[in-house]
């Protein structure tokens, strides 16, 4: 920019040599106007070039930001999906204590059926973790047939049965049991929200 201005001044000086004052004034004005126009044109061109560079960088930044956002979104989705698909730990441990095996208001002779139900439940869990879901389902169902089961144990067995139905591809039975669990107004067995989400997601995948 500075070199262009100096060049204009040299041209003006050469043009003014040997001219009369009146001619010099007229030509000076014309040359000045021309020089001003040229400078303005150069400034305009420089501004345009600068804007093009800025817009280009802005587009690059916008595209880069969009790509990063998309990549982050995909990574988050894959991470959550992987967790929901592959994490098969759905269960909260049941308190193993004598009062878990009996109803609150039942006489002592009811303890034996409660124990039998609990043992069926434990055997069912063993078969579940061994991958024998059909046997696990039968044992859970047998345990639930025991009358006067304590609420916490009943709800624990129902949840285990619900998951066993899912992994045995009995989606209708799983949905029905899940609906029963969901309608329980005062649950005694804790089912974590993330475990419910995992089960619903798995159920959706199997439909």
N, C-alpha and C. Protein backbone atom coordinates (compact mmCIF):
# COMPACT_ATOMS: atom_id res chain seq x y z
N UNK A 1 0.83 -1.20 0.00
CA UNK A 1 0.00 0.00 0.00
C UNK A 1 0.87 1.25 0.00
N UNK A 2 1.88 1.31 0.85
CA UNK A 2 2.78 2.47 0.92
C UNK A 2 3.52 2.66 -0.39
N UNK A 3 3.96 1.57 -1.04
CA UNK A 3 4.69 1.67 -2.31
C UNK A 3 3.80 2.23 -3.40
N UNK A 4 2.52 1.85 -3.39
CA UNK A 4 1.59 2.37 -4.41
C UNK A 4 1.38 3.87 -4.26
N UNK A 5 1.28 4.35 -3.03
CA UNK A 5 1.09 5.79 -2.79
C UNK A 5 2.32 6.57 -3.23
N UNK A 6 3.51 6.06 -2.92
CA UNK A 6 4.75 6.74 -3.33
C UNK A 6 4.87 6.78 -4.85
N UNK A 7 4.43 5.71 -5.51
CA UNK A 7 4.47 5.69 -6.98
C UNK A 7 3.53 6.74 -7.55
N UNK A 8 2.35 6.90 -6.97
CA UNK A 8 1.41 7.93 -7.43
C UNK A 8 2.02 9.31 -7.28
N UNK A 9 2.71 9.56 -6.18
CA UNK A 9 3.31 10.88 -5.95
C UNK A 9 4.41 11.17 -6.97
N UNK A 10 5.19 10.14 -7.35
CA UNK A 10 6.24 10.34 -8.37
C UNK A 10 5.62 10.67 -9.72
N UNK A 11 4.53 10.00 -10.04
CA UNK A 11 3.85 10.27 -11.32
C UNK A 11 3.34 11.70 -11.36
N UNK A 12 2.76 12.15 -10.26
CA UNK A 12 2.23 13.52 -10.19
C UNK A 12 3.36 14.52 -10.35
N UNK A 13 4.49 14.29 -9.71
CA UNK A 13 5.64 15.21 -9.79
C UNK A 13 6.15 15.32 -11.22
N UNK A 14 6.22 14.19 -11.93
CA UNK A 14 6.70 14.20 -13.31
C UNK A 14 5.73 14.94 -14.23
N UNK A 15 4.44 14.77 -13.98
CA UNK A 15 3.44 15.43 -14.81
C UNK A 15 3.44 16.94 -14.63
N UNK A 16 3.80 17.42 -13.48
CA UNK A 16 3.75 18.86 -13.19
C UNK A 16 4.96 19.62 -13.69
N UNK A 17 6.02 18.95 -14.03
CA UNK A 17 7.24 19.64 -14.47
C UNK A 17 7.01 20.37 -15.80
N UNK A 18 7.43 21.67 -15.89
CA UNK A 18 7.33 22.47 -17.11
C UNK A 18 5.95 22.99 -17.43
N UNK A 19 5.05 22.96 -16.52
CA UNK A 19 3.68 23.45 -16.73
C UNK A 19 3.49 24.84 -16.12
N UNK A 20 2.51 25.63 -16.73
CA UNK A 20 2.14 26.93 -16.18
C UNK A 20 1.34 26.73 -14.91
N UNK A 21 1.32 27.82 -14.07
CA UNK A 21 0.58 27.68 -12.81
C UNK A 21 -0.87 27.29 -13.00
N UNK A 22 -1.55 27.95 -14.02
CA UNK A 22 -2.97 27.63 -14.21
C UNK A 22 -3.15 26.19 -14.67
N UNK A 23 -2.23 25.80 -15.59
CA UNK A 23 -2.30 24.42 -16.06
C UNK A 23 -1.99 23.45 -14.94
N UNK A 24 -1.01 23.89 -14.14
CA UNK A 24 -0.63 23.03 -13.00
C UNK A 24 -1.81 22.83 -12.07
N UNK A 25 -2.54 23.93 -11.79
CA UNK A 25 -3.68 23.82 -10.87
C UNK A 25 -4.73 22.86 -11.41
N UNK A 26 -5.03 23.02 -12.72
CA UNK A 26 -6.06 22.16 -13.30
C UNK A 26 -5.61 20.70 -13.32
N UNK A 27 -4.37 20.54 -13.80
CA UNK A 27 -3.89 19.16 -13.90
C UNK A 27 -3.67 18.54 -12.52
N UNK A 28 -3.24 19.43 -11.60
CA UNK A 28 -3.05 18.92 -10.23
C UNK A 28 -4.35 18.39 -9.66
N UNK A 29 -5.41 19.15 -9.91
CA UNK A 29 -6.72 18.73 -9.39
C UNK A 29 -7.16 17.42 -10.03
N UNK A 30 -6.95 17.33 -11.37
CA UNK A 30 -7.33 16.10 -12.07
C UNK A 30 -6.51 14.91 -11.57
N UNK A 31 -5.18 15.19 -11.47
CA UNK A 31 -4.31 14.10 -11.01
C UNK A 31 -4.65 13.69 -9.58
N UNK A 32 -4.91 14.72 -8.74
CA UNK A 32 -5.27 14.41 -7.35
C UNK A 32 -6.55 13.58 -7.29
N UNK A 33 -7.52 14.00 -8.14
CA UNK A 33 -8.78 13.25 -8.17
C UNK A 33 -8.54 11.81 -8.63
N UNK A 34 -7.69 11.70 -9.67
CA UNK A 34 -7.38 10.37 -10.18
C UNK A 34 -6.64 9.53 -9.13
N UNK A 35 -5.68 10.19 -8.47
CA UNK A 35 -4.92 9.47 -7.43
C UNK A 35 -5.83 9.04 -6.28
N UNK A 36 -6.74 9.97 -5.91
CA UNK A 36 -7.69 9.63 -4.83
C UNK A 36 -8.56 8.46 -5.23
N UNK A 37 -9.03 8.49 -6.48
CA UNK A 37 -9.86 7.40 -6.98
C UNK A 37 -9.09 6.08 -6.97
N UNK A 38 -7.81 6.15 -7.42
CA UNK A 38 -7.00 4.94 -7.43
C UNK A 38 -6.78 4.39 -6.02
N UNK A 39 -6.50 5.32 -5.09
CA UNK A 39 -6.29 4.88 -3.70
C UNK A 39 -7.56 4.24 -3.14
N UNK A 40 -8.70 4.89 -3.46
CA UNK A 40 -9.97 4.34 -2.97
C UNK A 40 -10.25 2.96 -3.56
N UNK A 41 -9.91 2.84 -4.87
CA UNK A 41 -10.10 1.54 -5.52
C UNK A 41 -9.21 0.47 -4.88
N UNK A 42 -7.96 0.88 -4.60
CA UNK A 42 -7.05 -0.08 -3.97
C UNK A 42 -7.54 -0.47 -2.57
N UNK A 43 -8.00 0.56 -1.83
CA UNK A 43 -8.53 0.29 -0.49
C UNK A 43 -9.75 -0.63 -0.56
N UNK A 44 -10.60 -0.37 -1.56
CA UNK A 44 -11.79 -1.21 -1.72
C UNK A 44 -11.40 -2.64 -2.05
N UNK A 45 -10.41 -2.76 -2.98
CA UNK A 45 -9.94 -4.09 -3.36
C UNK A 45 -9.31 -4.81 -2.17
N UNK A 46 -8.54 -4.04 -1.39
CA UNK A 46 -7.91 -4.63 -0.20
C UNK A 46 -8.97 -5.09 0.80
N UNK A 47 -10.02 -4.26 0.97
CA UNK A 47 -11.11 -4.61 1.88
C UNK A 47 -11.83 -5.87 1.41
N UNK A 48 -12.05 -5.94 0.08
CA UNK A 48 -12.71 -7.13 -0.47
C UNK A 48 -11.88 -8.39 -0.22
N UNK A 49 -10.56 -8.25 -0.48
CA UNK A 49 -9.67 -9.40 -0.26
C UNK A 49 -9.67 -9.83 1.20
N UNK A 50 -9.65 -8.83 2.09
CA UNK A 50 -9.65 -9.13 3.53
C UNK A 50 -10.95 -9.84 3.93
N UNK A 51 -12.08 -9.35 3.38
CA UNK A 51 -13.37 -9.98 3.71
C UNK A 51 -13.44 -11.42 3.20
N UNK A 52 -12.87 -11.63 1.99
CA UNK A 52 -12.85 -12.99 1.45
C UNK A 52 -12.07 -13.93 2.35
N UNK A 53 -10.92 -13.46 2.82
CA UNK A 53 -10.10 -14.28 3.72
C UNK A 53 -10.85 -14.57 5.01
N UNK A 54 -11.49 -13.51 5.57
CA UNK A 54 -12.24 -13.69 6.82
C UNK A 54 -13.40 -14.66 6.63
N UNK A 55 -14.13 -14.49 5.51
CA UNK A 55 -15.27 -15.37 5.26
C UNK A 55 -14.81 -16.81 5.05
N UNK A 56 -13.68 -16.96 4.37
CA UNK A 56 -13.14 -18.30 4.15
C UNK A 56 -12.77 -18.96 5.47
N UNK A 57 -12.09 -18.19 6.33
CA UNK A 57 -11.71 -18.72 7.65
C UNK A 57 -12.94 -19.02 8.49
N UNK A 58 -13.96 -18.13 8.35
CA UNK A 58 -15.19 -18.33 9.11
C UNK A 58 -15.89 -19.61 8.67
N UNK A 59 -15.92 -19.84 7.35
CA UNK A 59 -16.53 -21.06 6.84
C UNK A 59 -15.77 -22.30 7.31
N UNK A 60 -14.43 -22.20 7.28
CA UNK A 60 -13.61 -23.32 7.74
C UNK A 60 -13.89 -23.63 9.21
N UNK A 61 -13.98 -22.55 10.01
CA UNK A 61 -14.23 -22.74 11.44
C UNK A 61 -15.62 -23.35 11.66
N UNK A 62 -16.61 -22.85 10.88
CA UNK A 62 -17.96 -23.37 11.03
C UNK A 62 -18.03 -24.84 10.65
N UNK A 63 -17.38 -25.19 9.54
CA UNK A 63 -17.36 -26.58 9.10
C UNK A 63 -16.64 -27.46 10.13
N UNK A 64 -15.50 -26.96 10.64
CA UNK A 64 -14.74 -27.73 11.64
C UNK A 64 -15.57 -27.93 12.90
N UNK A 65 -16.25 -26.85 13.34
CA UNK A 65 -17.07 -26.95 14.54
C UNK A 65 -18.22 -27.94 14.33
N UNK A 66 -18.84 -27.88 13.13
CA UNK A 66 -19.92 -28.82 12.84
C UNK A 66 -19.42 -30.26 12.84
N UNK A 67 -18.23 -30.47 12.26
CA UNK A 67 -17.68 -31.82 12.23
C UNK A 67 -17.37 -32.33 13.62
N UNK A 68 -16.79 -31.44 14.44
CA UNK A 68 -16.47 -31.82 15.82
C UNK A 68 -17.75 -32.14 16.59
N UNK A 69 -18.79 -31.31 16.39
CA UNK A 69 -20.06 -31.53 17.08
C UNK A 69 -20.69 -32.85 16.67
N UNK A 70 -20.66 -33.13 15.36
CA UNK A 70 -21.22 -34.39 14.87
C UNK A 70 -20.45 -35.58 15.42
N UNK A 71 -19.11 -35.47 15.40
CA UNK A 71 -18.28 -36.56 15.91
C UNK A 71 -18.53 -36.79 17.40
N UNK A 72 -18.65 -35.69 18.15
CA UNK A 72 -18.92 -35.82 19.59
C UNK A 72 -20.28 -36.45 19.84
N UNK A 73 -21.27 -36.03 19.04
CA UNK A 73 -22.61 -36.61 19.17
C UNK A 73 -22.62 -38.10 18.87
N UNK A 74 -21.91 -38.49 17.81
CA UNK A 74 -21.84 -39.91 17.45
C UNK A 74 -21.14 -40.71 18.55
N UNK A 75 -20.03 -40.15 19.07
CA UNK A 75 -19.29 -40.84 20.13
C UNK A 75 -20.16 -41.02 21.38
N UNK A 76 -20.92 -39.95 21.72
CA UNK A 76 -21.80 -40.03 22.89
C UNK A 76 -22.88 -41.07 22.67
N UNK A 77 -23.47 -41.06 21.46
CA UNK A 77 -24.53 -42.02 21.15
C UNK A 77 -24.00 -43.45 21.22
N UNK A 78 -22.82 -43.67 20.62
CA UNK A 78 -22.24 -45.02 20.64
C UNK A 78 -21.90 -45.47 22.05
N UNK A 79 -21.39 -44.51 22.86
CA UNK A 79 -21.05 -44.84 24.24
C UNK A 79 -22.28 -45.24 25.04
N UNK A 80 -23.34 -44.44 24.92
CA UNK A 80 -24.58 -44.75 25.66
C UNK A 80 -25.19 -46.05 25.15
N UNK A 81 -25.22 -46.19 23.81
CA UNK A 81 -25.81 -47.41 23.23
C UNK A 81 -25.04 -48.65 23.66
N UNK A 82 -23.71 -48.55 23.65
CA UNK A 82 -22.89 -49.69 24.07
C UNK A 82 -23.18 -50.07 25.52
N UNK A 83 -23.32 -49.04 26.36
CA UNK A 83 -23.61 -49.30 27.77
C UNK A 83 -24.97 -49.98 27.91
N UNK A 84 -25.98 -49.45 27.18
CA UNK A 84 -27.32 -50.01 27.28
C UNK A 84 -27.40 -51.42 26.70
N UNK A 85 -26.57 -51.70 25.70
CA UNK A 85 -26.62 -53.00 25.04
C UNK A 85 -25.81 -54.05 25.80
N UNK A 86 -24.60 -53.69 26.21
CA UNK A 86 -23.67 -54.71 26.70
C UNK A 86 -23.60 -54.84 28.22
N UNK A 87 -24.06 -53.82 28.96
CA UNK A 87 -24.03 -53.94 30.42
C UNK A 87 -25.25 -54.73 30.86
N UNK A 88 -25.03 -55.96 31.30
CA UNK A 88 -26.14 -56.85 31.67
C UNK A 88 -26.35 -56.93 33.18
N UNK A 89 -25.80 -56.01 33.92
CA UNK A 89 -26.00 -56.01 35.37
C UNK A 89 -27.26 -55.22 35.69
N UNK A 90 -28.39 -55.93 35.85
CA UNK A 90 -29.68 -55.28 36.06
C UNK A 90 -30.10 -55.28 37.53
N UNK A 91 -29.31 -55.90 38.40
CA UNK A 91 -29.87 -56.29 39.69
C UNK A 91 -29.23 -55.58 40.87
N UNK A 92 -30.09 -55.28 41.83
CA UNK A 92 -29.65 -54.84 43.15
C UNK A 92 -29.72 -56.05 44.08
N UNK A 93 -28.70 -56.24 44.89
CA UNK A 93 -28.68 -57.41 45.77
C UNK A 93 -29.86 -57.38 46.74
N UNK A 94 -30.43 -58.56 46.98
CA UNK A 94 -31.51 -58.70 47.96
C UNK A 94 -30.88 -58.93 49.33
N UNK A 95 -31.45 -58.29 50.33
CA UNK A 95 -30.95 -58.46 51.70
C UNK A 95 -31.20 -59.90 52.14
N UNK A 96 -30.13 -60.61 52.47
CA UNK A 96 -30.26 -62.00 52.92
C UNK A 96 -30.35 -61.98 54.44
N UNK A 97 -31.56 -62.05 54.93
CA UNK A 97 -31.79 -62.02 56.38
C UNK A 97 -33.05 -62.81 56.67
N UNK A 98 -33.20 -63.21 57.91
CA UNK A 98 -34.35 -64.06 58.26
C UNK A 98 -35.66 -63.35 57.97
N UNK A 99 -35.75 -62.05 58.26
CA UNK A 99 -37.02 -61.37 58.05
C UNK A 99 -37.34 -61.20 56.56
N UNK A 100 -36.36 -61.43 55.68
CA UNK A 100 -36.64 -61.42 54.24
C UNK A 100 -37.39 -62.68 53.84
N UNK A 101 -37.23 -63.74 54.61
CA UNK A 101 -37.80 -65.03 54.26
C UNK A 101 -39.20 -65.24 54.85
N UNK A 102 -39.69 -64.31 55.61
CA UNK A 102 -41.00 -64.51 56.24
C UNK A 102 -41.87 -63.28 56.05
N UNK A 103 -43.16 -63.49 56.05
CA UNK A 103 -44.08 -62.36 56.05
C UNK A 103 -44.09 -61.74 57.44
N UNK A 104 -44.41 -60.47 57.49
CA UNK A 104 -44.31 -59.76 58.77
C UNK A 104 -45.27 -60.32 59.81
N UNK A 105 -46.46 -60.74 59.39
CA UNK A 105 -47.48 -61.15 60.35
C UNK A 105 -47.79 -62.64 60.31
N UNK A 106 -46.88 -63.42 59.69
CA UNK A 106 -47.14 -64.85 59.60
C UNK A 106 -46.55 -65.59 60.79
N UNK A 107 -47.18 -66.68 61.22
CA UNK A 107 -46.60 -67.49 62.31
C UNK A 107 -45.35 -68.20 61.84
N UNK A 108 -44.60 -68.76 62.78
CA UNK A 108 -43.30 -69.36 62.48
C UNK A 108 -43.40 -70.53 61.50
N UNK A 109 -44.56 -71.25 61.48
CA UNK A 109 -44.65 -72.39 60.57
C UNK A 109 -44.60 -71.97 59.10
N UNK A 110 -44.76 -70.67 58.84
CA UNK A 110 -44.70 -70.18 57.46
C UNK A 110 -43.26 -69.98 57.00
N UNK A 111 -42.32 -70.12 57.89
CA UNK A 111 -40.93 -69.83 57.53
C UNK A 111 -40.42 -70.83 56.50
N UNK A 112 -40.76 -72.11 56.63
CA UNK A 112 -40.24 -73.13 55.72
C UNK A 112 -40.63 -72.87 54.26
N UNK A 113 -41.91 -72.61 53.95
CA UNK A 113 -42.25 -72.28 52.56
C UNK A 113 -41.51 -71.03 52.06
N UNK A 114 -41.31 -70.07 52.95
CA UNK A 114 -40.57 -68.87 52.56
C UNK A 114 -39.13 -69.23 52.20
N UNK A 115 -38.55 -70.11 53.01
CA UNK A 115 -37.17 -70.52 52.73
C UNK A 115 -37.09 -71.27 51.40
N UNK A 116 -38.09 -72.12 51.15
CA UNK A 116 -38.10 -72.87 49.90
C UNK A 116 -38.20 -71.92 48.71
N UNK A 117 -39.04 -70.92 48.86
CA UNK A 117 -39.18 -69.91 47.79
C UNK A 117 -37.86 -69.18 47.57
N UNK A 118 -37.21 -68.85 48.68
CA UNK A 118 -35.94 -68.12 48.57
C UNK A 118 -34.88 -68.99 47.90
N UNK A 119 -34.86 -70.29 48.24
CA UNK A 119 -33.88 -71.19 47.62
C UNK A 119 -34.15 -71.36 46.12
N UNK A 120 -35.44 -71.41 45.76
CA UNK A 120 -35.77 -71.46 44.33
C UNK A 120 -35.29 -70.19 43.62
N UNK A 121 -35.43 -69.09 44.31
CA UNK A 121 -34.97 -67.81 43.76
C UNK A 121 -33.45 -67.83 43.55
N UNK A 122 -32.71 -68.32 44.56
CA UNK A 122 -31.25 -68.38 44.46
C UNK A 122 -30.83 -69.34 43.34
N UNK A 123 -31.52 -70.50 43.26
CA UNK A 123 -31.21 -71.44 42.18
C UNK A 123 -31.52 -70.81 40.81
N UNK A 124 -32.59 -70.06 40.78
CA UNK A 124 -32.94 -69.37 39.53
C UNK A 124 -31.86 -68.38 39.11
N UNK A 125 -31.32 -67.66 40.07
CA UNK A 125 -30.23 -66.72 39.76
C UNK A 125 -29.00 -67.46 39.23
N UNK A 126 -28.70 -68.62 39.84
CA UNK A 126 -27.54 -69.39 39.39
C UNK A 126 -27.71 -69.83 37.94
N UNK A 127 -28.92 -70.30 37.60
CA UNK A 127 -29.18 -70.71 36.22
C UNK A 127 -29.19 -69.51 35.28
N UNK A 128 -29.68 -68.39 35.77
CA UNK A 128 -29.68 -67.17 34.95
C UNK A 128 -28.25 -66.80 34.57
N UNK A 129 -27.36 -66.74 35.54
CA UNK A 129 -25.98 -66.34 35.27
C UNK A 129 -25.21 -67.41 34.48
N UNK A 130 -25.74 -68.64 34.47
CA UNK A 130 -25.14 -69.69 33.65
C UNK A 130 -25.68 -69.66 32.22
N UNK A 131 -26.65 -68.78 31.97
CA UNK A 131 -27.21 -68.65 30.63
C UNK A 131 -28.38 -69.57 30.35
N UNK A 132 -28.83 -70.32 31.37
CA UNK A 132 -29.99 -71.21 31.21
C UNK A 132 -31.24 -70.45 31.64
N UNK A 133 -31.74 -69.62 30.76
CA UNK A 133 -32.84 -68.72 31.12
C UNK A 133 -34.17 -69.46 31.29
N UNK A 134 -34.38 -70.53 30.54
CA UNK A 134 -35.63 -71.28 30.67
C UNK A 134 -35.76 -71.88 32.07
N UNK A 135 -34.69 -72.51 32.56
CA UNK A 135 -34.72 -73.08 33.91
C UNK A 135 -34.86 -71.98 34.95
N UNK A 136 -34.18 -70.87 34.74
CA UNK A 136 -34.28 -69.74 35.68
C UNK A 136 -35.72 -69.25 35.75
N UNK A 137 -36.38 -69.14 34.61
CA UNK A 137 -37.77 -68.68 34.57
C UNK A 137 -38.67 -69.63 35.36
N UNK A 138 -38.50 -70.93 35.18
CA UNK A 138 -39.32 -71.91 35.89
C UNK A 138 -39.13 -71.80 37.40
N UNK A 139 -37.88 -71.65 37.83
CA UNK A 139 -37.60 -71.54 39.27
C UNK A 139 -38.16 -70.24 39.85
N UNK A 140 -38.05 -69.14 39.11
CA UNK A 140 -38.64 -67.88 39.57
C UNK A 140 -40.16 -68.01 39.70
N UNK A 141 -40.77 -68.63 38.71
CA UNK A 141 -42.23 -68.81 38.75
C UNK A 141 -42.65 -69.68 39.93
N UNK A 142 -41.89 -70.74 40.20
CA UNK A 142 -42.18 -71.59 41.36
C UNK A 142 -42.07 -70.79 42.65
N UNK A 143 -41.05 -69.95 42.75
CA UNK A 143 -40.88 -69.14 43.96
C UNK A 143 -42.04 -68.19 44.16
N UNK A 144 -42.54 -67.61 43.06
CA UNK A 144 -43.65 -66.66 43.16
C UNK A 144 -44.97 -67.32 43.53
N UNK A 145 -45.08 -68.63 43.34
CA UNK A 145 -46.31 -69.34 43.70
C UNK A 145 -46.46 -69.51 45.21
N UNK A 146 -45.40 -69.27 45.95
CA UNK A 146 -45.44 -69.41 47.41
C UNK A 146 -46.33 -68.31 47.99
N UNK A 147 -47.32 -68.66 48.81
CA UNK A 147 -48.21 -67.63 49.38
C UNK A 147 -47.51 -66.79 50.45
N UNK A 148 -47.99 -65.59 50.59
CA UNK A 148 -47.56 -64.69 51.66
C UNK A 148 -46.06 -64.36 51.62
N UNK A 149 -45.50 -64.29 50.45
CA UNK A 149 -44.10 -63.87 50.35
C UNK A 149 -43.95 -62.42 50.79
N UNK A 150 -42.85 -62.14 51.44
CA UNK A 150 -42.56 -60.76 51.81
C UNK A 150 -42.44 -59.92 50.54
N UNK A 151 -42.93 -58.69 50.60
CA UNK A 151 -43.01 -57.83 49.41
C UNK A 151 -41.65 -57.64 48.74
N UNK A 152 -40.62 -57.44 49.55
CA UNK A 152 -39.30 -57.18 48.96
C UNK A 152 -38.84 -58.37 48.13
N UNK A 153 -39.04 -59.58 48.64
CA UNK A 153 -38.62 -60.78 47.92
C UNK A 153 -39.48 -60.98 46.68
N UNK A 154 -40.78 -60.77 46.81
CA UNK A 154 -41.68 -60.91 45.65
C UNK A 154 -41.26 -59.97 44.52
N UNK A 155 -41.00 -58.72 44.87
CA UNK A 155 -40.62 -57.73 43.85
C UNK A 155 -39.26 -58.05 43.23
N UNK A 156 -38.34 -58.56 44.05
CA UNK A 156 -37.03 -58.94 43.53
C UNK A 156 -37.16 -60.08 42.52
N UNK A 157 -37.98 -61.09 42.87
CA UNK A 157 -38.17 -62.23 41.96
C UNK A 157 -38.85 -61.77 40.67
N UNK A 158 -39.84 -60.90 40.80
CA UNK A 158 -40.54 -60.40 39.61
C UNK A 158 -39.59 -59.66 38.67
N UNK A 159 -38.70 -58.86 39.23
CA UNK A 159 -37.75 -58.14 38.39
C UNK A 159 -36.77 -59.10 37.71
N UNK A 160 -36.27 -60.09 38.46
CA UNK A 160 -35.38 -61.09 37.86
C UNK A 160 -36.11 -61.88 36.77
N UNK A 161 -37.36 -62.19 37.03
CA UNK A 161 -38.16 -62.92 36.03
C UNK A 161 -38.36 -62.07 34.78
N UNK A 162 -38.60 -60.79 34.97
CA UNK A 162 -38.78 -59.86 33.84
C UNK A 162 -37.54 -59.85 32.94
N UNK A 163 -36.37 -59.77 33.56
CA UNK A 163 -35.12 -59.74 32.79
C UNK A 163 -34.87 -61.09 32.12
N UNK A 164 -35.19 -62.18 32.82
CA UNK A 164 -35.01 -63.51 32.23
C UNK A 164 -35.91 -63.69 31.01
N UNK A 165 -37.14 -63.18 31.10
CA UNK A 165 -38.03 -63.20 29.93
C UNK A 165 -37.38 -62.47 28.75
N UNK A 166 -36.82 -61.32 29.05
CA UNK A 166 -36.19 -60.51 27.99
C UNK A 166 -35.07 -61.29 27.30
N UNK A 167 -34.16 -61.86 28.10
CA UNK A 167 -33.00 -62.54 27.54
C UNK A 167 -33.36 -63.88 26.92
N UNK A 168 -34.55 -64.39 27.24
CA UNK A 168 -35.04 -65.61 26.61
C UNK A 168 -35.94 -65.29 25.41
N UNK A 169 -35.96 -64.01 25.03
CA UNK A 169 -36.73 -63.53 23.86
C UNK A 169 -38.24 -63.70 24.03
N UNK A 170 -38.71 -63.72 25.27
CA UNK A 170 -40.15 -63.74 25.53
C UNK A 170 -40.59 -62.29 25.80
N UNK A 171 -40.64 -61.52 24.73
CA UNK A 171 -40.83 -60.07 24.87
C UNK A 171 -42.22 -59.72 25.42
N UNK A 172 -43.24 -60.47 25.02
CA UNK A 172 -44.59 -60.17 25.50
C UNK A 172 -44.67 -60.38 27.01
N UNK A 173 -44.14 -61.50 27.49
CA UNK A 173 -44.14 -61.76 28.94
C UNK A 173 -43.32 -60.70 29.67
N UNK A 174 -42.21 -60.30 29.06
CA UNK A 174 -41.37 -59.26 29.67
C UNK A 174 -42.14 -57.95 29.79
N UNK A 175 -42.85 -57.57 28.73
CA UNK A 175 -43.64 -56.33 28.76
C UNK A 175 -44.72 -56.39 29.84
N UNK A 176 -45.40 -57.52 29.94
CA UNK A 176 -46.47 -57.65 30.94
C UNK A 176 -45.91 -57.54 32.36
N UNK A 177 -44.78 -58.20 32.62
CA UNK A 177 -44.18 -58.13 33.95
C UNK A 177 -43.68 -56.73 34.24
N UNK A 178 -43.10 -56.08 33.23
CA UNK A 178 -42.60 -54.72 33.41
C UNK A 178 -43.74 -53.77 33.74
N UNK A 179 -44.89 -53.97 33.09
CA UNK A 179 -46.05 -53.13 33.37
C UNK A 179 -46.54 -53.34 34.80
N UNK A 180 -46.53 -54.58 35.26
CA UNK A 180 -46.93 -54.87 36.64
C UNK A 180 -45.98 -54.19 37.63
N UNK A 181 -44.69 -54.26 37.36
CA UNK A 181 -43.69 -53.63 38.23
C UNK A 181 -43.87 -52.12 38.23
N UNK A 182 -44.13 -51.56 37.06
CA UNK A 182 -44.26 -50.10 36.94
C UNK A 182 -45.45 -49.57 37.72
N UNK A 183 -46.50 -50.38 37.82
CA UNK A 183 -47.74 -49.93 38.49
C UNK A 183 -47.68 -50.07 40.01
N UNK A 184 -46.60 -50.66 40.52
CA UNK A 184 -46.48 -50.82 41.98
C UNK A 184 -46.30 -49.44 42.62
N UNK A 185 -47.27 -49.00 43.46
CA UNK A 185 -47.19 -47.64 44.00
C UNK A 185 -46.17 -47.46 45.12
N UNK A 186 -45.82 -48.57 45.78
CA UNK A 186 -44.93 -48.45 46.93
C UNK A 186 -43.92 -49.61 46.93
N UNK A 187 -42.96 -49.59 46.02
CA UNK A 187 -42.04 -50.72 45.90
C UNK A 187 -41.09 -50.83 47.09
N UNK A 188 -40.79 -52.07 47.45
CA UNK A 188 -39.85 -52.34 48.54
C UNK A 188 -38.47 -52.75 48.02
N UNK A 189 -38.44 -53.22 46.78
CA UNK A 189 -37.18 -53.64 46.16
C UNK A 189 -36.73 -52.54 45.21
N UNK A 190 -35.51 -52.09 45.39
CA UNK A 190 -34.99 -50.97 44.59
C UNK A 190 -34.61 -51.43 43.19
N UNK A 191 -35.20 -50.77 42.20
CA UNK A 191 -34.79 -50.95 40.80
C UNK A 191 -34.30 -49.60 40.31
N UNK A 192 -33.04 -49.55 39.92
CA UNK A 192 -32.46 -48.28 39.50
C UNK A 192 -33.02 -47.85 38.15
N UNK A 193 -33.16 -46.53 37.99
CA UNK A 193 -33.70 -45.99 36.74
C UNK A 193 -32.86 -46.40 35.54
N UNK A 194 -31.54 -46.44 35.72
CA UNK A 194 -30.67 -46.81 34.60
C UNK A 194 -30.91 -48.26 34.20
N UNK A 195 -31.25 -49.13 35.17
CA UNK A 195 -31.53 -50.53 34.85
C UNK A 195 -32.85 -50.65 34.10
N UNK A 196 -33.84 -49.84 34.50
CA UNK A 196 -35.11 -49.81 33.76
C UNK A 196 -34.89 -49.33 32.34
N UNK A 197 -34.04 -48.32 32.19
CA UNK A 197 -33.74 -47.78 30.86
C UNK A 197 -33.05 -48.84 30.00
N UNK A 198 -32.10 -49.56 30.58
CA UNK A 198 -31.40 -50.61 29.84
C UNK A 198 -32.38 -51.68 29.37
N UNK A 199 -33.28 -52.08 30.28
CA UNK A 199 -34.23 -53.13 29.92
C UNK A 199 -35.18 -52.66 28.82
N UNK A 200 -35.68 -51.42 28.95
CA UNK A 200 -36.59 -50.90 27.92
C UNK A 200 -35.88 -50.79 26.57
N UNK A 201 -34.61 -50.38 26.60
CA UNK A 201 -33.85 -50.25 25.36
C UNK A 201 -33.64 -51.61 24.71
N UNK A 202 -33.29 -52.61 25.52
CA UNK A 202 -33.11 -53.96 25.00
C UNK A 202 -34.42 -54.50 24.44
N UNK A 203 -35.51 -54.20 25.14
CA UNK A 203 -36.83 -54.66 24.70
C UNK A 203 -37.19 -54.03 23.36
N UNK A 204 -36.87 -52.74 23.23
CA UNK A 204 -37.13 -52.04 21.96
C UNK A 204 -36.31 -52.63 20.82
N UNK A 205 -35.07 -53.03 21.10
CA UNK A 205 -34.22 -53.62 20.06
C UNK A 205 -34.76 -54.97 19.58
N UNK A 206 -35.43 -55.68 20.48
CA UNK A 206 -35.91 -57.02 20.13
C UNK A 206 -37.25 -57.01 19.41
N UNK A 207 -37.91 -55.84 19.36
CA UNK A 207 -39.21 -55.76 18.69
C UNK A 207 -39.04 -55.71 17.18
